[in-house]
PDB file of N, CA and C in Angstrom:
ATOM      1  N   MET A   1     -13.564  15.740   1.150  1.00  0.00           N
ATOM      2  CA  MET A   1     -14.329  15.217   2.261  1.00  0.00           C
ATOM      3  C   MET A   1     -14.495  16.312   3.326  1.00  0.00           C
ATOM      4  N   VAL A   2     -13.363  16.840   3.828  1.00  0.00           N
ATOM      5  CA  VAL A   2     -13.395  17.937   4.805  1.00  0.00           C
ATOM      6  C   VAL A   2     -12.256  18.894   4.465  1.00  0.00           C
ATOM      7  N   GLU A   3     -12.326  20.103   4.992  1.00  0.00           N
ATOM      8  CA  GLU A   3     -11.274  21.099   4.741  1.00  0.00           C
ATOM      9  C   GLU A   3      -9.985  20.785   5.503  1.00  0.00           C
ATOM     10  N   GLY A   4     -10.108  20.353   6.744  1.00  0.00           N
ATOM     11  CA  GLY A   4      -8.933  20.074   7.559  1.00  0.00           C
ATOM     12  C   GLY A   4      -9.087  18.774   8.312  1.00  0.00           C
ATOM     13  N   PRO A   5      -7.974  18.177   8.744  1.00  0.00           N
ATOM     14  CA  PRO A   5      -8.045  16.872   9.411  1.00  0.00           C
ATOM     15  C   PRO A   5      -8.846  16.880  10.707  1.00  0.00           C
ATOM     16  N   GLY A   6      -8.885  17.989  11.406  1.00  0.00           N
ATOM     17  CA  GLY A   6      -9.632  18.071  12.654  1.00  0.00           C
ATOM     18  C   GLY A   6     -11.133  18.082  12.469  1.00  0.00           C
ATOM     19  N   GLU A   7     -11.587  18.333  11.240  1.00  0.00           N
ATOM     20  CA  GLU A   7     -13.024  18.398  10.965  1.00  0.00           C
ATOM     21  C   GLU A   7     -13.648  17.027  10.727  1.00  0.00           C
ATOM     22  N   TYR A   8     -12.815  16.048  10.452  1.00  0.00           N
ATOM     23  CA  TYR A   8     -13.337  14.702  10.203  1.00  0.00           C
ATOM     24  C   TYR A   8     -13.724  14.069  11.532  1.00  0.00           C
ATOM     25  N   ARG A   9     -14.925  13.570  11.608  1.00  0.00           N
ATOM     26  CA  ARG A   9     -15.498  13.061  12.859  1.00  0.00           C
ATOM     27  C   ARG A   9     -14.636  11.988  13.523  1.00  0.00           C
ATOM     28  N   TRP A  10     -14.051  11.082  12.747  1.00  0.00           N
ATOM     29  CA  TRP A  10     -13.319   9.951  13.313  1.00  0.00           C
ATOM     30  C   TRP A  10     -11.808  10.175  13.348  1.00  0.00           C
ATOM     31  N   SER A  11     -11.379  11.394  13.128  1.00  0.00           N
ATOM     32  CA  SER A  11      -9.948  11.690  13.103  1.00  0.00           C
ATOM     33  C   SER A  11      -9.364  11.770  14.518  1.00  0.00           C
ATOM     34  N   SER A  12      -8.126  11.332  14.653  1.00  0.00           N
ATOM     35  CA  SER A  12      -7.413  11.452  15.931  1.00  0.00           C
ATOM     36  C   SER A  12      -6.674  12.787  16.008  1.00  0.00           C
ATOM     37  N   TYR A  13      -6.780  13.602  14.983  1.00  0.00           N
ATOM     38  CA  TYR A  13      -6.038  14.861  14.899  1.00  0.00           C
ATOM     39  C   TYR A  13      -6.293  15.778  16.096  1.00  0.00           C
ATOM     40  N   ARG A  14      -7.526  15.920  16.501  1.00  0.00           N
ATOM     41  CA  ARG A  14      -7.841  16.833  17.612  1.00  0.00           C
ATOM     42  C   ARG A  14      -7.104  16.444  18.886  1.00  0.00           C
ATOM     43  N   LYS A  15      -6.980  15.161  19.140  1.00  0.00           N
ATOM     44  CA  LYS A  15      -6.274  14.708  20.348  1.00  0.00           C
ATOM     45  C   LYS A  15      -4.787  15.013  20.244  1.00  0.00           C
ATOM     46  N   TYR A  16      -4.187  14.621  19.116  1.00  0.00           N
ATOM     47  CA  TYR A  16      -2.740  14.747  18.991  1.00  0.00           C
ATOM     48  C   TYR A  16      -2.276  16.158  18.666  1.00  0.00           C
ATOM     49  N   ALA A  17      -3.088  16.945  17.976  1.00  0.00           N
ATOM     50  CA  ALA A  17      -2.686  18.301  17.611  1.00  0.00           C
ATOM     51  C   ALA A  17      -3.031  19.333  18.677  1.00  0.00           C
ATOM     52  N   PHE A  18      -4.089  19.068  19.470  1.00  0.00           N
ATOM     53  CA  PHE A  18      -4.548  20.066  20.436  1.00  0.00           C
ATOM     54  C   PHE A  18      -4.732  19.509  21.845  1.00  0.00           C
ATOM     55  N   GLY A  19      -4.521  18.227  22.039  1.00  0.00           N
ATOM     56  CA  GLY A  19      -4.635  17.641  23.369  1.00  0.00           C
ATOM     57  C   GLY A  19      -6.058  17.429  23.850  1.00  0.00           C
ATOM     58  N   MET A  20      -7.018  17.428  22.940  1.00  0.00           N
ATOM     59  CA  MET A  20      -8.408  17.206  23.341  1.00  0.00           C
ATOM     60  C   MET A  20      -8.569  15.755  23.793  1.00  0.00           C
ATOM     61  N   PRO A  21      -9.285  15.522  24.889  1.00  0.00           N
ATOM     62  CA  PRO A  21      -9.410  14.155  25.407  1.00  0.00           C
ATOM     63  C   PRO A  21     -10.176  13.227  24.457  1.00  0.00           C
ATOM     64  N   ASP A  22      -9.696  11.993  24.398  1.00  0.00           N
ATOM     65  CA  ASP A  22     -10.360  10.961  23.605  1.00  0.00           C
ATOM     66  C   ASP A  22     -10.042   9.630  24.260  1.00  0.00           C
ATOM     67  N   LYS A  23     -11.035   9.015  24.896  1.00  0.00           N
ATOM     68  CA  LYS A  23     -10.829   7.772  25.646  1.00  0.00           C
ATOM     69  C   LYS A  23     -10.483   6.580  24.764  1.00  0.00           C
ATOM     70  N   LEU A  24     -10.752   6.694  23.472  1.00  0.00           N
ATOM     71  CA  LEU A  24     -10.481   5.578  22.564  1.00  0.00           C
ATOM     72  C   LEU A  24      -9.023   5.521  22.113  1.00  0.00           C
ATOM     73  N   LEU A  25      -8.283   6.590  22.325  1.00  0.00           N
ATOM     74  CA  LEU A  25      -6.920   6.659  21.792  1.00  0.00           C
ATOM     75  C   LEU A  25      -5.859   6.562  22.875  1.00  0.00           C
ATOM     76  N   VAL A  26      -4.783   5.882  22.518  1.00  0.00           N
ATOM     77  CA  VAL A  26      -3.595   5.805  23.366  1.00  0.00           C
ATOM     78  C   VAL A  26      -2.440   6.293  22.504  1.00  0.00           C
ATOM     79  N   ALA A  27      -1.682   7.252  23.011  1.00  0.00           N
ATOM     80  CA  ALA A  27      -0.594   7.843  22.227  1.00  0.00           C
ATOM     81  C   ALA A  27       0.424   6.783  21.822  1.00  0.00           C
ATOM     82  N   HIS A  28       0.814   6.834  20.572  1.00  0.00           N
ATOM     83  CA  HIS A  28       1.795   5.910  20.020  1.00  0.00           C
ATOM     84  C   HIS A  28       3.203   6.346  20.422  1.00  0.00           C
ATOM     85  N   GLU A  29       4.100   5.400  20.476  1.00  0.00           N
ATOM     86  CA  GLU A  29       5.499   5.654  20.845  1.00  0.00           C
ATOM     87  C   GLU A  29       6.139   6.725  19.953  1.00  0.00           C
ATOM     88  N   GLN A  30       5.855   6.695  18.663  1.00  0.00           N
ATOM     89  CA  GLN A  30       6.434   7.693  17.755  1.00  0.00           C
ATOM     90  C   GLN A  30       5.905   9.095  18.054  1.00  0.00           C
ATOM     91  N   TYR A  31       4.656   9.185  18.441  1.00  0.00           N
ATOM     92  CA  TYR A  31       4.097  10.480  18.823  1.00  0.00           C
ATOM     93  C   TYR A  31       4.802  11.002  20.064  1.00  0.00           C
ATOM     94  N   GLU A  32       5.015  10.144  21.026  1.00  0.00           N
ATOM     95  CA  GLU A  32       5.685  10.543  22.272  1.00  0.00           C
ATOM     96  C   GLU A  32       7.097  11.058  22.005  1.00  0.00           C
ATOM     97  N   ARG A  33       7.748  10.559  20.955  1.00  0.00           N
ATOM     98  CA  ARG A  33       9.114  10.979  20.627  1.00  0.00           C
ATOM     99  C   ARG A  33       9.188  12.335  19.933  1.00  0.00           C
ATOM    100  N   LEU A  34       8.050  12.901  19.543  1.00  0.00           N
ATOM    101  CA  LEU A  34       8.074  14.194  18.856  1.00  0.00           C
ATOM    102  C   LEU A  34       8.646  15.300  19.734  1.00  0.00           C
ATOM    103  N   ALA A  35       8.415  15.242  21.023  1.00  0.00           N
ATOM    104  CA  ALA A  35       8.943  16.249  21.962  1.00  0.00           C
ATOM    105  C   ALA A  35       8.795  15.716  23.383  1.00  0.00           C
ATOM    106  N   SER A  36       9.495  16.363  24.299  1.00  0.00           N
ATOM    107  CA  SER A  36       9.472  15.876  25.684  1.00  0.00           C
ATOM    108  C   SER A  36       8.252  16.354  26.472  1.00  0.00           C
ATOM    109  N   VAL A  37       7.602  17.430  26.019  1.00  0.00           N
ATOM    110  CA  VAL A  37       6.419  17.942  26.721  1.00  0.00           C
ATOM    111  C   VAL A  37       5.223  17.941  25.774  1.00  0.00           C
ATOM    112  N   ALA A  38       4.020  17.913  26.334  1.00  0.00           N
ATOM    113  CA  ALA A  38       2.787  17.803  25.553  1.00  0.00           C
ATOM    114  C   ALA A  38       2.642  18.932  24.533  1.00  0.00           C
ATOM    115  N   GLU A  39       2.908  20.172  24.947  1.00  0.00           N
ATOM    116  CA  GLU A  39       2.753  21.302  24.026  1.00  0.00           C
ATOM    117  C   GLU A  39       3.698  21.172  22.832  1.00  0.00           C
ATOM    118  N   GLY A  40       4.904  20.707  23.074  1.00  0.00           N
ATOM    119  CA  GLY A  40       5.875  20.520  21.993  1.00  0.00           C
ATOM    120  C   GLY A  40       5.445  19.419  21.042  1.00  0.00           C
ATOM    121  N   ARG A  41       4.919  18.330  21.591  1.00  0.00           N
ATOM    122  CA  ARG A  41       4.430  17.229  20.745  1.00  0.00           C
ATOM    123  C   ARG A  41       3.275  17.695  19.873  1.00  0.00           C
ATOM    124  N   GLN A  42       2.346  18.439  20.469  1.00  0.00           N
ATOM    125  CA  GLN A  42       1.194  18.925  19.715  1.00  0.00           C
ATOM    126  C   GLN A  42       1.623  19.858  18.592  1.00  0.00           C
ATOM    127  N   CYS A  43       2.558  20.746  18.872  1.00  0.00           N
ATOM    128  CA  CYS A  43       3.062  21.670  17.855  1.00  0.00           C
ATOM    129  C   CYS A  43       3.766  20.901  16.734  1.00  0.00           C
ATOM    130  N   ALA A  44       4.613  19.944  17.093  1.00  0.00           N
ATOM    131  CA  ALA A  44       5.323  19.137  16.099  1.00  0.00           C
ATOM    132  C   ALA A  44       4.333  18.324  15.258  1.00  0.00           C
ATOM    133  N   TYR A  45       3.286  17.826  15.897  1.00  0.00           N
ATOM    134  CA  TYR A  45       2.281  17.047  15.177  1.00  0.00           C
ATOM    135  C   TYR A  45       1.537  17.933  14.173  1.00  0.00           C
ATOM    136  N   ARG A  46       1.154  19.145  14.592  1.00  0.00           N
ATOM    137  CA  ARG A  46       0.463  20.060  13.674  1.00  0.00           C
ATOM    138  C   ARG A  46       1.357  20.398  12.476  1.00  0.00           C
ATOM    139  N   ASP A  47       2.669  20.525  12.717  1.00  0.00           N
ATOM    140  CA  ASP A  47       3.607  20.829  11.629  1.00  0.00           C
ATOM    141  C   ASP A  47       3.616  19.738  10.560  1.00  0.00           C
ATOM    142  N   LEU A  48       3.332  18.497  10.953  1.00  0.00           N
ATOM    143  CA  LEU A  48       3.301  17.404   9.986  1.00  0.00           C
ATOM    144  C   LEU A  48       2.213  17.596   8.936  1.00  0.00           C
ATOM    145  N   PHE A  49       1.205  18.407   9.253  1.00  0.00           N
ATOM    146  CA  PHE A  49       0.045  18.586   8.381  1.00  0.00           C
ATOM    147  C   PHE A  49       0.039  19.944   7.673  1.00  0.00           C
ATOM    148  N   ARG A  50       1.120  20.676   7.750  1.00  0.00           N
ATOM    149  CA  ARG A  50       1.152  22.022   7.163  1.00  0.00           C
ATOM    150  C   ARG A  50       1.295  22.008   5.639  1.00  0.00           C
ATOM    151  N   THR A  51       1.833  20.967   5.073  1.00  0.00           N
ATOM    152  CA  THR A  51       1.985  20.903   3.621  1.00  0.00           C
ATOM    153  C   THR A  51       0.977  19.917   3.039  1.00  0.00           C
ATOM    154  N   GLU A  52       0.570  20.178   1.822  1.00  0.00           N
ATOM    155  CA  GLU A  52      -0.370  19.286   1.143  1.00  0.00           C
ATOM    156  C   GLU A  52       0.397  18.206   0.401  1.00  0.00           C
ATOM    157  N   LEU A  53      -0.248  17.089   0.192  1.00  0.00           N
ATOM    158  CA  LEU A  53       0.331  16.027  -0.620  1.00  0.00           C
ATOM    159  C   LEU A  53       0.320  16.469  -2.077  1.00  0.00           C
ATOM    160  N   ASP A  54       1.362  16.096  -2.815  1.00  0.00           N
ATOM    161  CA  ASP A  54       1.321  16.427  -4.238  1.00  0.00           C
ATOM    162  C   ASP A  54       0.360  15.473  -4.946  1.00  0.00           C
ATOM    163  N   ALA A  55       0.006  15.807  -6.171  1.00  0.00           N
ATOM    164  CA  ALA A  55      -1.013  15.055  -6.910  1.00  0.00           C
ATOM    165  C   ALA A  55      -0.632  13.590  -7.082  1.00  0.00           C
ATOM    166  N   LYS A  56       0.653  13.307  -7.318  1.00  0.00           N
ATOM    167  CA  LYS A  56       1.101  11.927  -7.526  1.00  0.00           C
ATOM    168  C   LYS A  56       0.927  11.098  -6.250  1.00  0.00           C
ATOM    169  N   GLU A  57       1.328  11.662  -5.106  1.00  0.00           N
ATOM    170  CA  GLU A  57       1.173  10.950  -3.830  1.00  0.00           C
ATOM    171  C   GLU A  57      -0.298  10.691  -3.526  1.00  0.00           C
ATOM    172  N   LEU A  58      -1.118  11.689  -3.731  1.00  0.00           N
ATOM    173  CA  LEU A  58      -2.541  11.554  -3.457  1.00  0.00           C
ATOM    174  C   LEU A  58      -3.174  10.493  -4.352  1.00  0.00           C
ATOM    175  N   ALA A  59      -2.790  10.478  -5.625  1.00  0.00           N
ATOM    176  CA  ALA A  59      -3.318   9.470  -6.548  1.00  0.00           C
ATOM    177  C   ALA A  59      -2.891   8.071  -6.119  1.00  0.00           C
ATOM    178  N   GLU A  60      -1.646   7.929  -5.661  1.00  0.00           N
ATOM    179  CA  GLU A  60      -1.167   6.619  -5.214  1.00  0.00           C
ATOM    180  C   GLU A  60      -1.923   6.145  -3.977  1.00  0.00           C
ATOM    181  N   ILE A  61      -2.181   7.031  -3.055  1.00  0.00           N
ATOM    182  CA  ILE A  61      -2.944   6.683  -1.848  1.00  0.00           C
ATOM    183  C   ILE A  61      -4.353   6.243  -2.233  1.00  0.00           C
ATOM    184  N   ARG A  62      -4.997   7.023  -3.071  1.00  0.00           N
ATOM    185  CA  ARG A  62      -6.364   6.685  -3.474  1.00  0.00           C
ATOM    186  C   ARG A  62      -6.410   5.349  -4.209  1.00  0.00           C
ATOM    187  N   ASP A  63      -5.451   5.127  -5.096  1.00  0.00           N
ATOM    188  CA  ASP A  63      -5.421   3.896  -5.873  1.00  0.00           C
ATOM    189  C   ASP A  63      -5.250   2.678  -4.970  1.00  0.00           C
ATOM    190  N   THR A  64      -4.328   2.736  -4.023  1.00  0.00           N
ATOM    191  CA  THR A  64      -4.108   1.577  -3.158  1.00  0.00           C
ATOM    192  C   THR A  64      -5.291   1.340  -2.226  1.00  0.00           C
ATOM    193  N   VAL A  65      -5.898   2.394  -1.744  1.00  0.00           N
ATOM    194  CA  VAL A  65      -7.081   2.243  -0.882  1.00  0.00           C
ATOM    195  C   VAL A  65      -8.235   1.634  -1.676  1.00  0.00           C
ATOM    196  N   ASN A  66      -8.491   2.156  -2.865  1.00  0.00           N
ATOM    197  CA  ASN A  66      -9.604   1.659  -3.679  1.00  0.00           C
ATOM    198  C   ASN A  66      -9.407   0.218  -4.122  1.00  0.00           C
ATOM    199  N   ARG A  67      -8.175  -0.198  -4.324  1.00  0.00           N
ATOM    200  CA  ARG A  67      -7.895  -1.556  -4.781  1.00  0.00           C
ATOM    201  C   ARG A  67      -7.620  -2.539  -3.639  1.00  0.00           C
ATOM    202  N   GLY A  68      -7.464  -2.009  -2.431  1.00  0.00           N
ATOM    203  CA  GLY A  68      -7.232  -2.881  -1.285  1.00  0.00           C
ATOM    204  C   GLY A  68      -5.797  -3.389  -1.161  1.00  0.00           C
ATOM    205  N   TRP A  69      -4.828  -2.672  -1.734  1.00  0.00           N
ATOM    206  CA  TRP A  69      -3.419  -3.052  -1.643  1.00  0.00           C
ATOM    207  C   TRP A  69      -2.729  -2.142  -0.635  1.00  0.00           C
ATOM    208  N   PRO A  70      -1.694  -2.638   0.062  1.00  0.00           N
ATOM    209  CA  PRO A  70      -0.975  -1.783   1.011  1.00  0.00           C
ATOM    210  C   PRO A  70      -0.129  -0.737   0.284  1.00  0.00           C
ATOM    211  N   LEU A  71       0.118   0.359   0.957  1.00  0.00           N
ATOM    212  CA  LEU A  71       0.939   1.432   0.407  1.00  0.00           C
ATOM    213  C   LEU A  71       2.278   1.411   1.126  1.00  0.00           C
ATOM    214  N   GLY A  72       3.353   1.344   0.370  1.00  0.00           N
ATOM    215  CA  GLY A  72       4.680   1.353   0.963  1.00  0.00           C
ATOM    216  C   GLY A  72       5.733   0.975  -0.055  1.00  0.00           C
ATOM    217  N   SER A  73       6.954   0.882   0.417  1.00  0.00           N
ATOM    218  CA  SER A  73       8.073   0.543  -0.457  1.00  0.00           C
ATOM    219  C   SER A  73       8.010  -0.932  -0.860  1.00  0.00           C
ATOM    220  N   ASP A  74       8.799  -1.289  -1.861  1.00  0.00           N
ATOM    221  CA  ASP A  74       8.858  -2.700  -2.271  1.00  0.00           C
ATOM    222  C   ASP A  74       9.369  -3.565  -1.120  1.00  0.00           C
ATOM    223  N   ARG A  75      10.327  -3.053  -0.358  1.00  0.00           N
ATOM    224  CA  ARG A  75      10.844  -3.805   0.798  1.00  0.00           C
ATOM    225  C   ARG A  75       9.731  -4.078   1.805  1.00  0.00           C
ATOM    226  N   PHE A  76       8.919  -3.065   2.080  1.00  0.00           N
ATOM    227  CA  PHE A  76       7.786  -3.208   2.996  1.00  0.00           C
ATOM    228  C   PHE A  76       6.811  -4.268   2.479  1.00  0.00           C
ATOM    229  N   LYS A  77       6.488  -4.212   1.196  1.00  0.00           N
ATOM    230  CA  LYS A  77       5.561  -5.180   0.605  1.00  0.00           C
ATOM    231  C   LYS A  77       6.150  -6.588   0.612  1.00  0.00           C
ATOM    232  N   ASP A  78       7.464  -6.695   0.360  1.00  0.00           N
ATOM    233  CA  ASP A  78       8.128  -8.003   0.423  1.00  0.00           C
ATOM    234  C   ASP A  78       7.996  -8.615   1.818  1.00  0.00           C
ATOM    235  N   GLU A  79       8.185  -7.794   2.847  1.00  0.00           N
ATOM    236  CA  GLU A  79       8.077  -8.274   4.225  1.00  0.00           C
ATOM    237  C   GLU A  79       6.657  -8.741   4.535  1.00  0.00           C
ATOM    238  N   ILE A  80       5.679  -8.003   4.074  1.00  0.00           N
ATOM    239  CA  ILE A  80       4.284  -8.392   4.307  1.00  0.00           C
ATOM    240  C   ILE A  80       3.978  -9.707   3.596  1.00  0.00           C
ATOM    241  N   GLU A  81       4.449  -9.835   2.350  1.00  0.00           N
ATOM    242  CA  GLU A  81       4.206 -11.069   1.601  1.00  0.00           C
ATOM    243  C   GLU A  81       4.839 -12.273   2.293  1.00  0.00           C
ATOM    244  N   ARG A  82       6.044 -12.097   2.820  1.00  0.00           N
ATOM    245  CA  ARG A  82       6.695 -13.197   3.546  1.00  0.00           C
ATOM    246  C   ARG A  82       5.914 -13.546   4.810  1.00  0.00           C
ATOM    247  N   ALA A  83       5.480 -12.542   5.541  1.00  0.00           N
ATOM    248  CA  ALA A  83       4.767 -12.781   6.796  1.00  0.00           C
ATOM    249  C   ALA A  83       3.398 -13.417   6.562  1.00  0.00           C
ATOM    250  N   LEU A  84       2.678 -12.944   5.555  1.00  0.00           N
ATOM    251  CA  LEU A  84       1.322 -13.433   5.300  1.00  0.00           C
ATOM    252  C   LEU A  84       1.266 -14.597   4.318  1.00  0.00           C
ATOM    253  N   ARG A  85       2.364 -14.805   3.616  1.00  0.00           N
ATOM    254  CA  ARG A  85       2.439 -15.851   2.584  1.00  0.00           C
ATOM    255  C   ARG A  85       1.358 -15.684   1.525  1.00  0.00           C
ATOM    256  N   CYS A  86       1.174 -14.440   1.098  1.00  0.00           N
ATOM    257  CA  CYS A  86       0.245 -14.159   0.013  1.00  0.00           C
ATOM    258  C   CYS A  86       0.663 -12.862  -0.672  1.00  0.00           C
ATOM    259  N   ALA A  87       0.159 -12.649  -1.875  1.00  0.00           N
ATOM    260  CA  ALA A  87       0.498 -11.455  -2.643  1.00  0.00           C
ATOM    261  C   ALA A  87      -0.183 -10.230  -2.046  1.00  0.00           C
ATOM    262  N   VAL A  88       0.553  -9.132  -1.975  1.00  0.00           N
ATOM    263  CA  VAL A  88      -0.006  -7.880  -1.476  1.00  0.00           C
ATOM    264  C   VAL A  88       0.157  -6.759  -2.497  1.00  0.00           C
ATOM    265  N   ARG A  89       0.352  -7.138  -3.753  1.00  0.00           N
ATOM    266  CA  ARG A  89       0.433  -6.160  -4.839  1.00  0.00           C
ATOM    267  C   ARG A  89      -0.263  -6.749  -6.050  1.00  0.00           C
ATOM    268  N   PRO A  90      -0.735  -5.888  -6.917  1.00  0.00           N
ATOM    269  CA  PRO A  90      -1.491  -6.399  -8.071  1.00  0.00           C
ATOM    270  C   PRO A  90      -0.619  -7.246  -8.990  1.00  0.00           C
ATOM    271  N   PRO A  91      -1.206  -8.240  -9.639  1.00  0.00           N
ATOM    272  CA  PRO A  91      -0.436  -9.049 -10.596  1.00  0.00           C
ATOM    273  C   PRO A  91      -0.085  -8.208 -11.818  1.00  0.00           C
ATOM    274  N   GLN A  92       0.926  -8.653 -12.557  1.00  0.00           N
ATOM    275  CA  GLN A  92       1.299  -7.933 -13.768  1.00  0.00           C
ATOM    276  C   GLN A  92       0.162  -8.008 -14.774  1.00  0.00           C
ATOM    277  N   ARG A  93      -0.022  -6.922 -15.512  1.00  0.00           N
ATOM    278  CA  ARG A  93      -1.110  -6.857 -16.483  1.00  0.00           C
ATOM    279  C   ARG A  93      -0.663  -7.438 -17.814  1.00  0.00           C
ATOM    280  N   GLY A  94      -1.630  -7.852 -18.586  1.00  0.00           N
ATOM    281  CA  GLY A  94      -1.368  -8.329 -19.929  1.00  0.00           C
ATOM    282  C   GLY A  94      -1.212  -9.832 -19.999  1.00  0.00           C
ATOM    283  N   ARG A  95      -0.885 -10.289 -21.189  1.00  0.00           N
ATOM    284  CA  ARG A  95      -0.717 -11.723 -21.420  1.00  0.00           C
ATOM    285  C   ARG A  95       0.565 -12.203 -20.764  1.00  0.00           C
ATOM    286  N   PRO A  96       0.591 -13.466 -20.347  1.00  0.00           N
ATOM    287  CA  PRO A  96       1.831 -14.018 -19.792  1.00  0.00           C
ATOM    288  C   PRO A  96       2.931 -13.995 -20.854  1.00  0.00           C
ATOM    289  N   ARG A  97       4.169 -13.860 -20.401  1.00  0.00           N
ATOM    290  CA  ARG A  97       5.296 -13.860 -21.328  1.00  0.00           C
ATOM    291  C   ARG A  97       5.450 -15.225 -21.980  1.00  0.00           C
ATOM    292  N   LYS A  98       5.980 -15.213 -23.206  1.00  0.00           N
ATOM    293  CA  LYS A  98       6.236 -16.466 -23.896  1.00  0.00           C
ATOM    294  C   LYS A  98       7.391 -17.177 -23.224  1.00  0.00           C
ATOM    295  N   ARG A  99       7.384 -18.489 -23.335  1.00  0.00           N
ATOM    296  CA  ARG A  99       8.493 -19.263 -22.791  1.00  0.00           C
ATOM    297  C   ARG A  99       9.765 -18.882 -23.528  1.00  0.00           C
ATOM    298  N   THR A 100      10.903 -19.024 -22.859  1.00  0.00           N
ATOM    299  CA  THR A 100      12.159 -18.628 -23.485  1.00  0.00           C
ATOM    300  C   THR A 100      12.540 -19.544 -24.635  1.00  0.00           C
ATOM    301  N   ASN A 101      12.212 -20.819 -24.556  1.00  0.00           N
ATOM    302  CA  ASN A 101      12.510 -21.773 -25.626  1.00  0.00           C
ATOM    303  C   ASN A 101      11.217 -22.439 -26.092  1.00  0.00           C
ATOM    304  N   PRO A 102      10.400 -21.704 -26.838  1.00  0.00           N
ATOM    305  CA  PRO A 102       9.137 -22.318 -27.258  1.00  0.00           C
ATOM    306  C   PRO A 102       9.382 -23.448 -28.252  1.00  0.00           C
ATOM    307  N   VAL A 103       8.478 -24.407 -28.239  1.00  0.00           N
ATOM    308  CA  VAL A 103       8.555 -25.526 -29.186  1.00  0.00           C
ATOM    309  C   VAL A 103       8.075 -25.008 -30.535  1.00  0.00           C
ATOM    310  N   PRO A 104       8.882 -25.157 -31.590  1.00  0.00           N
ATOM    311  CA  PRO A 104       8.461 -24.666 -32.913  1.00  0.00           C
ATOM    312  C   PRO A 104       7.152 -25.314 -33.349  1.00  0.00           C
ATOM    313  N   VAL A 105       6.358 -24.581 -34.108  1.00  0.00           N
ATOM    314  CA  VAL A 105       5.052 -25.057 -34.567  1.00  0.00           C
ATOM    315  C   VAL A 105       5.205 -26.347 -35.368  1.00  0.00           C
ATOM    316  N   ALA A 106       6.215 -26.415 -36.229  1.00  0.00           N
ATOM    317  CA  ALA A 106       6.414 -27.628 -37.047  1.00  0.00           C
ATOM    318  C   ALA A 106       6.655 -28.835 -36.151  1.00  0.00           C
ATOM    319  N   GLU A 107       7.419 -28.671 -35.086  1.00  0.00           N
ATOM    320  CA  GLU A 107       7.692 -29.773 -34.145  1.00  0.00           C
ATOM    321  C   GLU A 107       6.405 -30.180 -33.425  1.00  0.00           C
ATOM    322  N   GLN A 108       5.561 -29.192 -33.052  1.00  0.00           N
ATOM    323  CA  GLN A 108       4.289 -29.496 -32.404  1.00  0.00           C
ATOM    324  C   GLN A 108       3.406 -30.341 -33.331  1.00  0.00           C
ATOM    325  N   ARG A 109       3.379 -29.976 -34.613  1.00  0.00           N
ATOM    326  CA  ARG A 109       2.554 -30.713 -35.578  1.00  0.00           C
ATOM    327  C   ARG A 109       3.059 -32.147 -35.738  1.00  0.00           C
ATOM    328  N   ARG A 110       4.393 -32.312 -35.822  1.00  0.00           N
ATOM    329  CA  ARG A 110       4.957 -33.663 -35.962  1.00  0.00           C
ATOM    330  C   ARG A 110       4.608 -34.514 -34.751  1.00  0.00           C
ATOM    331  N   ALA A 111       4.652 -33.922 -33.560  1.00  0.00           N
ATOM    332  CA  ALA A 111       4.327 -34.662 -32.343  1.00  0.00           C
ATOM    333  C   ALA A 111       2.875 -35.093 -32.363  1.00  0.00           C
ATOM    334  N   CYS A 112       1.974 -34.201 -32.784  1.00  0.00           N
ATOM    335  CA  CYS A 112       0.553 -34.551 -32.868  1.00  0.00           C
ATOM    336  C   CYS A 112       0.333 -35.653 -33.897  1.00  0.00           C
ATOM    337  N   TYR A 113       1.027 -35.579 -35.027  1.00  0.00           N
ATOM    338  CA  TYR A 113       0.887 -36.597 -36.076  1.00  0.00           C
ATOM    339  C   TYR A 113       1.321 -37.960 -35.558  1.00  0.00           C
ATOM    340  N   ARG A 114       2.437 -37.988 -34.796  1.00  0.00           N
ATOM    341  CA  ARG A 114       2.910 -39.258 -34.255  1.00  0.00           C
ATOM    342  C   ARG A 114       1.916 -39.850 -33.293  1.00  0.00           C
ATOM    343  N   VAL A 115       1.284 -39.012 -32.457  1.00  0.00           N
ATOM    344  CA  VAL A 115       0.301 -39.489 -31.502  1.00  0.00           C
ATOM    345  C   VAL A 115      -0.915 -40.045 -32.235  1.00  0.00           C
ATOM    346  N   GLU A 116      -1.363 -39.345 -33.285  1.00  0.00           N
ATOM    347  CA  GLU A 116      -2.533 -39.805 -34.045  1.00  0.00           C
ATOM    348  C   GLU A 116      -2.223 -41.141 -34.734  1.00  0.00           C
ATOM    349  N   LYS A 117      -1.011 -41.278 -35.248  1.00  0.00           N
ATOM    350  CA  LYS A 117      -0.629 -42.482 -35.967  1.00  0.00           C
ATOM    351  C   LYS A 117      -0.601 -43.707 -35.025  1.00  0.00           C
ATOM    352  N   LEU A 118      -0.262 -43.470 -33.757  1.00  0.00           N
ATOM    353  CA  LEU A 118      -0.220 -44.558 -32.782  1.00  0.00           C
ATOM    354  C   LEU A 118      -1.612 -45.078 -32.445  1.00  0.00           C
ATOM    355  N   HIS A 119      -2.617 -44.252 -32.552  1.00  0.00           N
ATOM    356  CA  HIS A 119      -3.991 -44.641 -32.184  1.00  0.00           C
ATOM    357  C   HIS A 119      -4.706 -45.271 -33.281  1.00  0.00           C
TER     358      HIS A 119
END
């Protein structure tokens, strides 16, 4: 999309990394904790972006964004599910598991025969 985070039109990077004014943004508490002075916070913020994401992390981010699922730990997802009372992760793939004690086919046939005989 862009070479660096500051090049993206809607990015907050320019404000937090270089102190450029932006009336739409209010500094978050975690940003304020990066350092006691503005220059220190900006330097610490830029350091957060010095390394690239590895391929696995990037693929996970893209997958969750494209599918509309939240990205985070299982504990985080559990908390969201409890709060929203809905699923926030994809359902398991494939056919449903068989019941642990399935009714044998011969027993199913006998039951059907008994029902037919009653009618």
